[in-house]
PDB file of all heavy atoms in Angstrom:
ATOM      1  N   THR A   1      -6.334   2.428   4.826  1.00  0.00           N
ATOM      2  CA  THR A   1      -7.433   2.024   3.946  1.00  0.00           C
ATOM      3  C   THR A   1      -7.269   0.580   3.477  1.00  0.00           C
ATOM      4  O   THR A   1      -8.213  -0.018   2.965  1.00  0.00           O
ATOM      5  CB  THR A   1      -7.518   2.939   2.704  1.00  0.00           C
ATOM      6  OG1 THR A   1      -6.305   2.838   1.951  1.00  0.00           O
ATOM      7  CG2 THR A   1      -7.746   4.386   3.105  1.00  0.00           C
ATOM      8  N   LYS A   2      -6.072   0.016   3.651  1.00  0.00           N
ATOM      9  CA  LYS A   2      -5.831  -1.373   3.258  1.00  0.00           C
ATOM     10  C   LYS A   2      -6.131  -2.354   4.385  1.00  0.00           C
ATOM     11  O   LYS A   2      -5.920  -3.558   4.228  1.00  0.00           O
ATOM     12  CB  LYS A   2      -4.385  -1.544   2.783  1.00  0.00           C
ATOM     13  CG  LYS A   2      -4.090  -0.839   1.463  1.00  0.00           C
ATOM     14  CD  LYS A   2      -2.680  -1.121   0.977  1.00  0.00           C
ATOM     15  CE  LYS A   2      -2.442  -0.482  -0.378  1.00  0.00           C
ATOM     16  NZ  LYS A   2      -1.090  -0.788  -0.928  1.00  0.00           N
ATOM     17  N   GLY A   3      -6.582  -1.824   5.523  1.00  0.00           N
ATOM     18  CA  GLY A   3      -6.997  -2.713   6.597  1.00  0.00           C
ATOM     19  C   GLY A   3      -6.191  -2.635   7.868  1.00  0.00           C
ATOM     20  O   GLY A   3      -6.546  -3.274   8.867  1.00  0.00           O
ATOM     21  N   PHE A   4      -5.071  -1.882   7.868  1.00  0.00           N
ATOM     22  CA  PHE A   4      -4.291  -1.741   9.086  1.00  0.00           C
ATOM     23  C   PHE A   4      -4.986  -0.751  10.029  1.00  0.00           C
ATOM     24  O   PHE A   4      -5.711   0.136   9.592  1.00  0.00           O
ATOM     25  CB  PHE A   4      -2.881  -1.218   8.759  1.00  0.00           C
ATOM     26  CG  PHE A   4      -2.037  -2.196   8.003  1.00  0.00           C
ATOM     27  CD1 PHE A   4      -1.919  -2.115   6.623  1.00  0.00           C
ATOM     28  CD2 PHE A   4      -1.349  -3.205   8.665  1.00  0.00           C
ATOM     29  CE1 PHE A   4      -1.136  -3.016   5.914  1.00  0.00           C
ATOM     30  CE2 PHE A   4      -0.558  -4.112   7.966  1.00  0.00           C
ATOM     31  CZ  PHE A   4      -0.459  -4.018   6.585  1.00  0.00           C
ATOM     32  N   THR A   5      -4.734  -0.899  11.329  1.00  0.00           N
ATOM     33  CA  THR A   5      -5.254   0.082  12.272  1.00  0.00           C
ATOM     34  C   THR A   5      -4.469   1.372  12.108  1.00  0.00           C
ATOM     35  O   THR A   5      -3.390   1.385  11.490  1.00  0.00           O
ATOM     36  CB  THR A   5      -5.105  -0.418  13.722  1.00  0.00           C
ATOM     37  OG1 THR A   5      -3.704  -0.516  14.044  1.00  0.00           O
ATOM     38  CG2 THR A   5      -5.765  -1.772  13.904  1.00  0.00           C
ATOM     39  N   ALA A   6      -4.987   2.450  12.654  1.00  0.00           N
ATOM     40  CA  ALA A   6      -4.319   3.744  12.529  1.00  0.00           C
ATOM     41  C   ALA A   6      -2.912   3.692  13.121  1.00  0.00           C
ATOM     42  O   ALA A   6      -1.958   4.223  12.532  1.00  0.00           O
ATOM     43  CB  ALA A   6      -5.153   4.827  13.204  1.00  0.00           C
ATOM     44  N   ASP A   7      -2.768   3.037  14.258  1.00  0.00           N
ATOM     45  CA  ASP A   7      -1.445   2.947  14.897  1.00  0.00           C
ATOM     46  C   ASP A   7      -0.491   2.107  14.067  1.00  0.00           C
ATOM     47  O   ASP A   7       0.691   2.455  13.900  1.00  0.00           O
ATOM     48  CB  ASP A   7      -1.577   2.345  16.303  1.00  0.00           C
ATOM     49  CG  ASP A   7      -2.263   3.297  17.274  1.00  0.00           C
ATOM     50  OD1 ASP A   7      -2.256   4.518  16.991  1.00  0.00           O
ATOM     51  OD2 ASP A   7      -2.801   2.820  18.293  1.00  0.00           O
ATOM     52  N   GLU A   8      -0.982   0.971  13.533  1.00  0.00           N
ATOM     53  CA  GLU A   8      -0.141   0.108  12.704  1.00  0.00           C
ATOM     54  C   GLU A   8       0.293   0.821  11.435  1.00  0.00           C
ATOM     55  O   GLU A   8       1.474   0.769  11.046  1.00  0.00           O
ATOM     56  CB  GLU A   8      -0.898  -1.171  12.352  1.00  0.00           C
ATOM     57  CG  GLU A   8      -1.124  -2.108  13.517  1.00  0.00           C
ATOM     58  CD  GLU A   8      -2.049  -3.250  13.166  1.00  0.00           C
ATOM     59  OE1 GLU A   8      -2.836  -3.102  12.193  1.00  0.00           O
ATOM     60  OE2 GLU A   8      -1.996  -4.295  13.850  1.00  0.00           O
ATOM     61  N   ALA A   9      -0.657   1.485  10.786  1.00  0.00           N
ATOM     62  CA  ALA A   9      -0.356   2.205   9.541  1.00  0.00           C
ATOM     63  C   ALA A   9       0.649   3.321   9.792  1.00  0.00           C
ATOM     64  O   ALA A   9       1.580   3.533   9.006  1.00  0.00           O
ATOM     65  CB  ALA A   9      -1.640   2.775   8.951  1.00  0.00           C
ATOM     66  N   ASN A  10       0.491   4.025  10.890  1.00  0.00           N
ATOM     67  CA  ASN A  10       1.395   5.123  11.223  1.00  0.00           C
ATOM     68  C   ASN A  10       2.802   4.603  11.503  1.00  0.00           C
ATOM     69  O   ASN A  10       3.803   5.197  11.064  1.00  0.00           O
ATOM     70  CB  ASN A  10       0.853   5.877  12.445  1.00  0.00           C
ATOM     71  CG  ASN A  10       1.643   7.141  12.721  1.00  0.00           C
ATOM     72  OD1 ASN A  10       1.784   8.016  11.880  1.00  0.00           O
ATOM     73  ND2 ASN A  10       2.172   7.232  13.938  1.00  0.00           N
ATOM     74  N   GLU A  11       2.878   3.476  12.202  1.00  0.00           N
ATOM     75  CA  GLU A  11       4.185   2.886  12.506  1.00  0.00           C
ATOM     76  C   GLU A  11       4.887   2.412  11.235  1.00  0.00           C
ATOM     77  O   GLU A  11       6.095   2.636  11.055  1.00  0.00           O
ATOM     78  CB  GLU A  11       4.014   1.713  13.462  1.00  0.00           C
ATOM     79  CG  GLU A  11       5.328   1.069  13.869  1.00  0.00           C
ATOM     80  CD  GLU A  11       5.154  -0.106  14.810  1.00  0.00           C
ATOM     81  OE1 GLU A  11       4.011  -0.338  15.256  1.00  0.00           O
ATOM     82  OE2 GLU A  11       6.155  -0.789  15.091  1.00  0.00           O
ATOM     83  N   ILE A  12       4.139   1.774  10.339  1.00  0.00           N
ATOM     84  CA  ILE A  12       4.723   1.292   9.074  1.00  0.00           C
ATOM     85  C   ILE A  12       5.219   2.457   8.233  1.00  0.00           C
ATOM     86  O   ILE A  12       6.328   2.428   7.680  1.00  0.00           O
ATOM     87  CB  ILE A  12       3.685   0.477   8.275  1.00  0.00           C
ATOM     88  CG1 ILE A  12       3.333  -0.813   9.024  1.00  0.00           C
ATOM     89  CG2 ILE A  12       4.218   0.150   6.878  1.00  0.00           C
ATOM     90  CD1 ILE A  12       2.174  -1.577   8.396  1.00  0.00           C
ATOM     91  N   ALA A  13       4.405   3.511   8.142  1.00  0.00           N
ATOM     92  CA  ALA A  13       4.781   4.673   7.342  1.00  0.00           C
ATOM     93  C   ALA A  13       6.053   5.329   7.867  1.00  0.00           C
ATOM     94  O   ALA A  13       6.951   5.687   7.093  1.00  0.00           O
ATOM     95  CB  ALA A  13       3.637   5.684   7.329  1.00  0.00           C
ATOM     96  N   HIS A  14       6.147   5.493   9.183  1.00  0.00           N
ATOM     97  CA  HIS A  14       7.342   6.106   9.767  1.00  0.00           C
ATOM     98  C   HIS A  14       8.561   5.200   9.617  1.00  0.00           C
ATOM     99  O   HIS A  14       9.684   5.690   9.412  1.00  0.00           O
ATOM    100  CB  HIS A  14       7.102   6.427  11.249  1.00  0.00           C
ATOM    101  CG  HIS A  14       6.364   7.708  11.469  1.00  0.00           C
ATOM    102  ND1 HIS A  14       4.975   7.799  11.400  1.00  0.00           N
ATOM    103  CD2 HIS A  14       6.810   8.965  11.733  1.00  0.00           C
ATOM    104  CE1 HIS A  14       4.609   9.050  11.630  1.00  0.00           C
ATOM    105  NE2 HIS A  14       5.698   9.789  11.839  1.00  0.00           N
ATOM    106  N   ARG A  15       8.350   3.885   9.693  1.00  0.00           N
ATOM    107  CA  ARG A  15       9.466   2.958   9.515  1.00  0.00           C
ATOM    108  C   ARG A  15      10.009   3.042   8.085  1.00  0.00           C
ATOM    109  O   ARG A  15      11.226   3.066   7.869  1.00  0.00           O
ATOM    110  CB  ARG A  15       8.994   1.526   9.817  1.00  0.00           C
ATOM    111  CG  ARG A  15      10.094   0.473   9.746  1.00  0.00           C
ATOM    112  CD  ARG A  15      11.059   0.599  10.899  1.00  0.00           C
ATOM    113  NE  ARG A  15      10.395   0.402  12.173  1.00  0.00           N
ATOM    114  CZ  ARG A  15      10.187  -0.796  12.712  1.00  0.00           C
ATOM    115  NH1 ARG A  15      10.577  -1.894  12.086  1.00  0.00           N
ATOM    116  NH2 ARG A  15       9.604  -0.892  13.895  1.00  0.00           N
ATOM    117  N   ILE A  16       9.114   3.097   7.132  1.00  0.00           N
ATOM    118  CA  ILE A  16       9.534   3.223   5.729  1.00  0.00           C
ATOM    119  C   ILE A  16      10.240   4.547   5.495  1.00  0.00           C
ATOM    120  O   ILE A  16      11.233   4.629   4.769  1.00  0.00           O
ATOM    121  CB  ILE A  16       8.314   3.091   4.792  1.00  0.00           C
ATOM    122  CG1 ILE A  16       7.786   1.652   4.821  1.00  0.00           C
ATOM    123  CG2 ILE A  16       8.665   3.502   3.360  1.00  0.00           C
ATOM    124  CD1 ILE A  16       6.500   1.451   4.050  1.00  0.00           C
ATOM    125  N   ALA A  17       9.737   5.617   6.107  1.00  0.00           N
ATOM    126  CA  ALA A  17      10.290   6.958   5.899  1.00  0.00           C
ATOM    127  C   ALA A  17      11.708   7.099   6.437  1.00  0.00           C
ATOM    128  O   ALA A  17      12.405   8.068   6.110  1.00  0.00           O
ATOM    129  CB  ALA A  17       9.377   7.997   6.545  1.00  0.00           C
ATOM    130  N   GLU A  18      12.156   6.146   7.254  1.00  0.00           N
ATOM    131  CA  GLU A  18      13.517   6.213   7.783  1.00  0.00           C
ATOM    132  C   GLU A  18      14.549   5.994   6.677  1.00  0.00           C
ATOM    133  O   GLU A  18      15.701   6.423   6.805  1.00  0.00           O
ATOM    134  CB  GLU A  18      13.699   5.165   8.891  1.00  0.00           C
ATOM    135  CG  GLU A  18      12.885   5.458  10.147  1.00  0.00           C
ATOM    136  CD  GLU A  18      12.998   4.345  11.182  1.00  0.00           C
ATOM    137  OE1 GLU A  18      13.714   3.345  10.889  1.00  0.00           O
ATOM    138  OE2 GLU A  18      12.384   4.463  12.253  1.00  0.00           O
ATOM    139  N   ASP A  19      14.140   5.313   5.610  1.00  0.00           N
ATOM    140  CA  ASP A  19      15.033   5.048   4.465  1.00  0.00           C
ATOM    141  C   ASP A  19      14.528   5.876   3.290  1.00  0.00           C
ATOM    142  O   ASP A  19      13.472   5.589   2.718  1.00  0.00           O
ATOM    143  CB  ASP A  19      15.014   3.559   4.133  1.00  0.00           C
ATOM    144  CG  ASP A  19      16.007   3.187   3.034  1.00  0.00           C
ATOM    145  OD1 ASP A  19      16.260   4.028   2.140  1.00  0.00           O
ATOM    146  OD2 ASP A  19      16.512   2.046   3.056  1.00  0.00           O
ATOM    147  N   ASP A  20      15.265   6.923   2.912  1.00  0.00           N
ATOM    148  CA  ASP A  20      14.807   7.841   1.867  1.00  0.00           C
ATOM    149  C   ASP A  20      14.551   7.144   0.533  1.00  0.00           C
ATOM    150  O   ASP A  20      13.546   7.409  -0.141  1.00  0.00           O
ATOM    151  CB  ASP A  20      15.836   8.963   1.660  1.00  0.00           C
ATOM    152  CG  ASP A  20      15.838   9.958   2.804  1.00  0.00           C
ATOM    153  OD1 ASP A  20      14.847   9.985   3.561  1.00  0.00           O
ATOM    154  OD2 ASP A  20      16.823  10.709   2.945  1.00  0.00           O
ATOM    155  N   GLU A  21      15.453   6.250   0.147  1.00  0.00           N
ATOM    156  CA  GLU A  21      15.285   5.550  -1.131  1.00  0.00           C
ATOM    157  C   GLU A  21      14.041   4.668  -1.118  1.00  0.00           C
ATOM    158  O   GLU A  21      13.260   4.654  -2.071  1.00  0.00           O
ATOM    159  CB  GLU A  21      16.525   4.711  -1.433  1.00  0.00           C
ATOM    160  CG  GLU A  21      16.465   4.013  -2.802  1.00  0.00           C
ATOM    161  CD  GLU A  21      17.728   3.216  -3.095  1.00  0.00           C
ATOM    162  OE1 GLU A  21      18.684   3.294  -2.315  1.00  0.00           O
ATOM    163  OE2 GLU A  21      17.740   2.505  -4.132  1.00  0.00           O
ATOM    164  N   LEU A  22      13.858   3.950  -0.018  1.00  0.00           N
ATOM    165  CA  LEU A  22      12.685   3.098   0.115  1.00  0.00           C
ATOM    166  C   LEU A  22      11.410   3.936   0.163  1.00  0.00           C
ATOM    167  O   LEU A  22      10.386   3.554  -0.407  1.00  0.00           O
ATOM    168  CB  LEU A  22      12.799   2.251   1.385  1.00  0.00           C
ATOM    169  CG  LEU A  22      11.606   1.352   1.720  1.00  0.00           C
ATOM    170  CD1 LEU A  22      11.376   0.331   0.601  1.00  0.00           C
ATOM    171  CD2 LEU A  22      11.831   0.643   3.051  1.00  0.00           C
ATOM    172  N   PHE A  23      11.494   5.075   0.824  1.00  0.00           N
ATOM    173  CA  PHE A  23      10.345   5.974   0.936  1.00  0.00           C
ATOM    174  C   PHE A  23       9.904   6.458  -0.445  1.00  0.00           C
ATOM    175  O   PHE A  23       8.717   6.457  -0.786  1.00  0.00           O
ATOM    176  CB  PHE A  23      10.712   7.150   1.842  1.00  0.00           C
ATOM    177  CG  PHE A  23       9.537   7.962   2.307  1.00  0.00           C
ATOM    178  CD1 PHE A  23       8.227   7.499   2.194  1.00  0.00           C
ATOM    179  CD2 PHE A  23       9.735   9.223   2.873  1.00  0.00           C
ATOM    180  CE1 PHE A  23       7.145   8.251   2.636  1.00  0.00           C
ATOM    181  CE2 PHE A  23       8.670   9.987   3.314  1.00  0.00           C
ATOM    182  CZ  PHE A  23       7.375   9.498   3.185  1.00  0.00           C
ATOM    183  N   VAL A  24      10.865   6.856  -1.263  1.00  0.00           N
ATOM    184  CA  VAL A  24      10.550   7.339  -2.615  1.00  0.00           C
ATOM    185  C   VAL A  24       9.918   6.227  -3.451  1.00  0.00           C
ATOM    186  O   VAL A  24       8.897   6.424  -4.117  1.00  0.00           O
ATOM    187  CB  VAL A  24      11.823   7.870  -3.320  1.00  0.00           C
ATOM    188  CG1 VAL A  24      11.538   8.141  -4.799  1.00  0.00           C
ATOM    189  CG2 VAL A  24      12.312   9.139  -2.651  1.00  0.00           C
ATOM    190  N   LYS A  25      10.523   5.041  -3.424  1.00  0.00           N
ATOM    191  CA  LYS A  25       9.996   3.918  -4.203  1.00  0.00           C
ATOM    192  C   LYS A  25       8.591   3.533  -3.744  1.00  0.00           C
ATOM    193  O   LYS A  25       7.714   3.225  -4.565  1.00  0.00           O
ATOM    194  CB  LYS A  25      10.930   2.716  -4.079  1.00  0.00           C
ATOM    195  CG  LYS A  25      12.270   2.879  -4.784  1.00  0.00           C
ATOM    196  CD  LYS A  25      13.116   1.631  -4.627  1.00  0.00           C
ATOM    197  CE  LYS A  25      14.444   1.771  -5.362  1.00  0.00           C
ATOM    198  NZ  LYS A  25      15.297   0.550  -5.211  1.00  0.00           N
ATOM    199  N   THR A  26       8.389   3.561  -2.424  1.00  0.00           N
ATOM    200  CA  THR A  26       7.078   3.192  -1.884  1.00  0.00           C
ATOM    201  C   THR A  26       6.011   4.195  -2.280  1.00  0.00           C
ATOM    202  O   THR A  26       4.903   3.820  -2.684  1.00  0.00           O
ATOM    203  CB  THR A  26       7.140   3.083  -0.353  1.00  0.00           C
ATOM    204  OG1 THR A  26       8.123   2.124   0.013  1.00  0.00           O
ATOM    205  CG2 THR A  26       5.793   2.656   0.216  1.00  0.00           C
ATOM    206  N   MET A  27       6.340   5.491  -2.191  1.00  0.00           N
ATOM    207  CA  MET A  27       5.363   6.525  -2.556  1.00  0.00           C
ATOM    208  C   MET A  27       5.075   6.493  -4.056  1.00  0.00           C
ATOM    209  O   MET A  27       3.935   6.719  -4.484  1.00  0.00           O
ATOM    210  CB  MET A  27       5.871   7.905  -2.145  1.00  0.00           C
ATOM    211  CG  MET A  27       5.906   8.127  -0.642  1.00  0.00           C
ATOM    212  SD  MET A  27       4.315   7.804   0.168  1.00  0.00           S
ATOM    213  CE  MET A  27       3.297   9.122  -0.518  1.00  0.00           C
ATOM    214  N   ALA A  28       6.103   6.222  -4.855  1.00  0.00           N
ATOM    215  CA  ALA A  28       5.888   6.131  -6.302  1.00  0.00           C
ATOM    216  C   ALA A  28       4.922   5.000  -6.620  1.00  0.00           C
ATOM    217  O   ALA A  28       4.064   5.116  -7.504  1.00  0.00           O
ATOM    218  CB  ALA A  28       7.219   5.916  -7.019  1.00  0.00           C
ATOM    219  N   GLN A  29       5.049   3.902  -5.883  1.00  0.00           N
ATOM    220  CA  GLN A  29       4.187   2.752  -6.125  1.00  0.00           C
ATOM    221  C   GLN A  29       2.795   2.943  -5.534  1.00  0.00           C
ATOM    222  O   GLN A  29       1.781   2.698  -6.192  1.00  0.00           O
ATOM    223  CB  GLN A  29       4.821   1.487  -5.539  1.00  0.00           C
ATOM    224  CG  GLN A  29       4.005   0.228  -5.784  1.00  0.00           C
ATOM    225  CD  GLN A  29       4.728  -1.022  -5.341  1.00  0.00           C
ATOM    226  OE1 GLN A  29       5.930  -1.005  -5.099  1.00  0.00           O
ATOM    227  NE2 GLN A  29       4.008  -2.116  -5.226  1.00  0.00           N
ATOM    228  N   GLU A  30       2.724   3.379  -4.286  1.00  0.00           N
ATOM    229  CA  GLU A  30       1.442   3.487  -3.599  1.00  0.00           C
ATOM    230  C   GLU A  30       0.626   4.707  -4.043  1.00  0.00           C
ATOM    231  O   GLU A  30      -0.600   4.628  -4.143  1.00  0.00           O
ATOM    232  CB  GLU A  30       1.664   3.552  -2.078  1.00  0.00           C
ATOM    233  CG  GLU A  30       2.336   2.326  -1.485  1.00  0.00           C
ATOM    234  CD  GLU A  30       1.424   1.107  -1.510  1.00  0.00           C
ATOM    235  OE1 GLU A  30       0.248   1.236  -1.893  1.00  0.00           O
ATOM    236  OE2 GLU A  30       1.886   0.015  -1.138  1.00  0.00           O
TER     237      GLU A  30
END
């Protein structure tokens, strides 16, 4: 919804999810 394509958004989300701490902080913020 921020302008990334579906593939780009999916790749970014999975990359972030590889780091549990970063994933939690990102979800808390987003």
